[in-house]
N, C-alpha and C. Protein backbone atom coordinates (compact mmCIF):
# COMPACT_ATOMS: atom_id res chain seq x y z
N UNK A 1 4.54 9.74 14.91
CA UNK A 1 3.39 9.12 14.40
C UNK A 1 3.80 8.34 13.16
N UNK A 2 3.15 7.21 12.91
CA UNK A 2 3.48 6.42 11.77
C UNK A 2 2.76 6.92 10.53
N UNK A 3 3.10 6.30 9.38
CA UNK A 3 2.50 6.61 8.14
C UNK A 3 1.13 6.01 8.06
N UNK A 4 0.23 6.57 7.16
CA UNK A 4 -1.03 6.01 6.93
C UNK A 4 -0.82 4.97 5.89
N UNK A 5 -1.91 4.07 5.72
CA UNK A 5 -1.86 3.08 4.68
C UNK A 5 -1.59 3.74 3.32
N UNK A 6 -2.35 4.91 3.09
CA UNK A 6 -2.15 5.56 1.79
C UNK A 6 -0.70 5.96 1.57
N UNK A 7 -0.09 6.54 2.59
CA UNK A 7 1.26 6.98 2.38
C UNK A 7 2.25 5.82 2.19
N UNK A 8 1.96 4.71 2.85
CA UNK A 8 2.86 3.53 2.65
C UNK A 8 2.68 2.96 1.27
N UNK A 9 1.47 2.83 0.82
CA UNK A 9 1.24 2.22 -0.55
C UNK A 9 2.00 3.12 -1.57
N UNK A 10 1.76 4.45 -1.44
CA UNK A 10 2.38 5.43 -2.45
C UNK A 10 3.91 5.32 -2.36
N UNK A 11 4.45 5.28 -1.18
CA UNK A 11 5.94 5.21 -0.96
C UNK A 11 6.51 3.98 -1.60
N UNK A 12 5.87 2.83 -1.24
CA UNK A 12 6.36 1.54 -1.74
C UNK A 12 6.17 1.39 -3.26
N UNK A 13 5.09 1.95 -3.79
CA UNK A 13 4.94 1.87 -5.26
C UNK A 13 5.93 2.80 -5.95
N UNK A 14 6.21 3.90 -5.41
CA UNK A 14 7.24 4.76 -5.99
C UNK A 14 8.63 4.18 -5.90
N UNK A 15 8.91 3.47 -4.75
CA UNK A 15 10.15 2.82 -4.57
C UNK A 15 10.37 1.76 -5.64
N UNK A 16 9.25 1.09 -6.05
CA UNK A 16 9.32 0.05 -7.15
C UNK A 16 9.30 0.72 -8.47
N UNK A 17 9.24 2.01 -8.54
CA UNK A 17 9.17 2.78 -9.77
C UNK A 17 7.98 2.36 -10.68
N UNK A 18 6.86 2.16 -10.09
CA UNK A 18 5.62 1.84 -10.73
C UNK A 18 4.68 3.00 -10.79
N UNK A 19 3.94 3.19 -11.89
CA UNK A 19 2.89 4.15 -11.91
C UNK A 19 1.70 3.49 -11.22
N UNK A 20 0.65 4.33 -10.96
CA UNK A 20 -0.53 3.75 -10.38
C UNK A 20 -1.18 2.74 -11.40
N UNK A 21 -1.06 3.02 -12.68
CA UNK A 21 -1.64 2.18 -13.69
C UNK A 21 -0.86 0.89 -13.71
N UNK A 22 0.44 0.91 -13.56
CA UNK A 22 1.27 -0.39 -13.67
C UNK A 22 0.95 -1.18 -12.39
N UNK A 23 0.80 -0.55 -11.25
CA UNK A 23 0.43 -1.30 -10.05
C UNK A 23 -0.88 -2.04 -10.25
N UNK A 24 -1.90 -1.20 -10.70
CA UNK A 24 -3.25 -1.74 -10.82
C UNK A 24 -3.23 -2.87 -11.87
N UNK A 25 -2.47 -2.76 -12.94
CA UNK A 25 -2.39 -3.88 -13.94
C UNK A 25 -1.79 -5.15 -13.39
N UNK A 26 -0.94 -5.03 -12.33
CA UNK A 26 -0.36 -6.25 -11.75
C UNK A 26 -1.15 -6.93 -10.72
N UNK A 27 -2.21 -6.21 -10.23
CA UNK A 27 -3.06 -6.87 -9.22
C UNK A 27 -4.50 -6.57 -9.46
N UNK A 28 -5.37 -7.01 -8.68
CA UNK A 28 -6.82 -6.95 -8.84
C UNK A 28 -7.36 -5.56 -8.80
N UNK A 29 -6.95 -4.65 -7.93
CA UNK A 29 -7.57 -3.36 -7.83
C UNK A 29 -7.50 -2.55 -9.22
N UNK A 30 -8.53 -1.81 -9.49
CA UNK A 30 -8.54 -1.00 -10.68
C UNK A 30 -7.66 0.25 -10.39
N UNK A 31 -7.35 0.98 -11.44
CA UNK A 31 -6.49 2.21 -11.29
C UNK A 31 -7.23 3.16 -10.29
N UNK A 32 -8.58 3.27 -10.43
CA UNK A 32 -9.25 4.18 -9.55
C UNK A 32 -9.18 3.77 -8.10
N UNK A 33 -9.14 2.43 -7.85
CA UNK A 33 -9.03 1.93 -6.47
C UNK A 33 -7.56 2.28 -6.00
N UNK A 34 -6.64 2.06 -6.78
CA UNK A 34 -5.19 2.37 -6.40
C UNK A 34 -5.13 3.86 -6.04
N UNK A 35 -5.71 4.72 -6.93
CA UNK A 35 -5.71 6.13 -6.59
C UNK A 35 -6.46 6.49 -5.33
N UNK A 36 -7.60 5.81 -5.11
CA UNK A 36 -8.37 6.01 -3.90
C UNK A 36 -7.64 5.62 -2.66
N UNK A 37 -6.89 4.48 -2.79
CA UNK A 37 -6.06 3.98 -1.63
C UNK A 37 -4.99 4.97 -1.31
N UNK A 38 -4.29 5.44 -2.33
CA UNK A 38 -3.20 6.40 -2.14
C UNK A 38 -3.66 7.77 -1.62
N UNK A 39 -4.88 8.15 -2.02
CA UNK A 39 -5.43 9.46 -1.55
C UNK A 39 -6.10 9.29 -0.19
N UNK A 40 -6.17 8.14 0.30
CA UNK A 40 -6.85 7.94 1.56
C UNK A 40 -8.33 8.00 1.55
N UNK A 41 -8.91 7.84 0.33
CA UNK A 41 -10.37 7.82 0.13
C UNK A 41 -11.04 6.50 0.46
N UNK A 42 -10.23 5.47 0.51
CA UNK A 42 -10.67 4.11 0.86
C UNK A 42 -10.41 3.87 2.32
N UNK A 43 -11.47 3.74 3.16
CA UNK A 43 -11.30 3.57 4.60
C UNK A 43 -10.35 2.44 4.99
N UNK A 44 -10.84 1.24 4.97
CA UNK A 44 -10.07 0.08 5.29
C UNK A 44 -10.14 -0.81 4.02
N UNK A 45 -9.02 -1.06 3.41
CA UNK A 45 -8.99 -1.87 2.24
C UNK A 45 -9.30 -3.37 2.60
N UNK A 46 -9.86 -4.10 1.63
CA UNK A 46 -10.13 -5.49 1.82
C UNK A 46 -8.81 -6.26 2.08
N UNK A 47 -8.77 -7.23 2.95
CA UNK A 47 -7.55 -8.04 3.25
C UNK A 47 -6.97 -8.59 1.94
N UNK A 48 -7.82 -9.16 1.07
CA UNK A 48 -7.31 -9.74 -0.19
C UNK A 48 -6.58 -8.66 -1.03
N UNK A 49 -7.07 -7.42 -1.05
CA UNK A 49 -6.40 -6.35 -1.77
C UNK A 49 -5.05 -6.09 -1.16
N UNK A 50 -4.98 -5.98 0.14
CA UNK A 50 -3.70 -5.71 0.82
C UNK A 50 -2.72 -6.84 0.53
N UNK A 51 -3.10 -8.09 0.59
CA UNK A 51 -2.29 -9.14 0.29
C UNK A 51 -1.76 -9.09 -1.19
N UNK A 52 -2.62 -8.72 -2.05
CA UNK A 52 -2.21 -8.62 -3.46
C UNK A 52 -1.21 -7.45 -3.62
N UNK A 53 -1.45 -6.39 -2.97
CA UNK A 53 -0.47 -5.22 -3.12
C UNK A 53 0.84 -5.59 -2.50
N UNK A 54 0.86 -6.32 -1.40
CA UNK A 54 2.05 -6.71 -0.73
C UNK A 54 2.86 -7.68 -1.68
N UNK A 55 2.19 -8.60 -2.41
CA UNK A 55 2.77 -9.50 -3.26
C UNK A 55 3.37 -8.74 -4.49
N UNK A 56 2.62 -7.84 -5.10
CA UNK A 56 3.03 -7.13 -6.33
C UNK A 56 4.16 -6.25 -5.93
N UNK A 57 4.18 -5.59 -4.77
CA UNK A 57 5.20 -4.71 -4.33
C UNK A 57 6.40 -5.50 -3.80
N UNK A 58 6.30 -6.77 -3.84
CA UNK A 58 7.43 -7.63 -3.36
C UNK A 58 7.90 -7.40 -1.89
N UNK A 59 6.87 -7.22 -1.06
CA UNK A 59 7.13 -6.89 0.31
C UNK A 59 7.30 -8.18 1.20
N UNK A 60 8.16 -8.10 2.07
CA UNK A 60 8.34 -9.20 3.06
C UNK A 60 8.89 -8.54 4.36
N UNK A 61 8.84 -9.35 5.39
CA UNK A 61 9.30 -8.83 6.72
C UNK A 61 8.70 -7.67 7.15
N UNK A 62 9.45 -6.68 7.66
CA UNK A 62 8.99 -5.49 8.28
C UNK A 62 8.11 -4.66 7.38
N UNK A 63 8.45 -4.56 6.14
CA UNK A 63 7.68 -3.77 5.16
C UNK A 63 6.26 -4.34 5.02
N UNK A 64 6.17 -5.68 4.89
CA UNK A 64 4.88 -6.26 4.78
C UNK A 64 4.06 -6.08 6.06
N UNK A 65 4.70 -6.27 7.18
CA UNK A 65 4.08 -6.05 8.48
C UNK A 65 3.52 -4.66 8.62
N UNK A 66 4.33 -3.64 8.19
CA UNK A 66 3.96 -2.29 8.27
C UNK A 66 2.68 -1.95 7.45
N UNK A 67 2.61 -2.57 6.23
CA UNK A 67 1.51 -2.35 5.33
C UNK A 67 0.24 -3.04 5.91
N UNK A 68 0.38 -4.23 6.51
CA UNK A 68 -0.78 -4.86 7.04
C UNK A 68 -1.27 -4.17 8.33
N UNK A 69 -0.37 -3.68 9.11
CA UNK A 69 -0.78 -2.93 10.36
C UNK A 69 -1.48 -1.66 9.92
N UNK A 70 -1.01 -0.89 8.95
CA UNK A 70 -1.61 0.30 8.49
C UNK A 70 -2.96 0.06 7.89
N UNK A 71 -3.11 -1.09 7.18
CA UNK A 71 -4.43 -1.41 6.64
C UNK A 71 -5.47 -1.69 7.68
N UNK A 72 -5.00 -2.23 8.83
CA UNK A 72 -5.91 -2.41 9.97
C UNK A 72 -6.12 -1.20 10.83
N UNK A 73 -5.46 -0.13 10.45
CA UNK A 73 -5.69 1.09 11.26
C UNK A 73 -4.74 1.20 12.45
N UNK A 74 -3.72 0.32 12.52
CA UNK A 74 -2.74 0.25 13.58
C UNK A 74 -1.60 1.15 13.36
N UNK A 75 -0.88 1.58 14.41
CA UNK A 75 0.36 2.33 14.11
C UNK A 75 1.33 1.60 13.25
N UNK A 76 1.94 2.27 12.31
CA UNK A 76 2.79 1.60 11.44
C UNK A 76 4.28 1.91 11.58
N UNK A 77 4.68 2.63 12.58
CA UNK A 77 6.02 2.95 12.77
C UNK A 77 6.52 4.15 12.09
N UNK A 78 7.80 4.43 12.11
CA UNK A 78 8.35 5.63 11.46
C UNK A 78 8.22 5.60 9.95
N UNK A 79 8.26 6.71 9.26
CA UNK A 79 8.20 6.78 7.83
C UNK A 79 9.26 5.91 7.15
N UNK A 80 8.92 5.38 5.99
CA UNK A 80 9.78 4.53 5.22
C UNK A 80 10.86 5.45 4.55
N UNK A 81 12.11 4.94 4.44
CA UNK A 81 13.06 5.71 3.68
C UNK A 81 12.68 5.77 2.21
N UNK A 82 13.14 6.82 1.61
CA UNK A 82 12.81 7.04 0.13
C UNK A 82 13.66 6.15 -0.74
């Protein structure tokens, strides 16, 4: 089973060595929104939010596709490496 959107955002943020506050400061979502996304309390994030997260996290290719699929509720593939 693939990772959830929340797990992917958290994993990618940690890979970039950003705190939730730093991630929020670099894109439109507030810190509470970033926390909600990572905790899975936000059902389906807005497409603009997902695009901003992908840009701030410097995602391209397969990582970006994985994040977009998970945001749509689609299978995201195997867990990302740490």
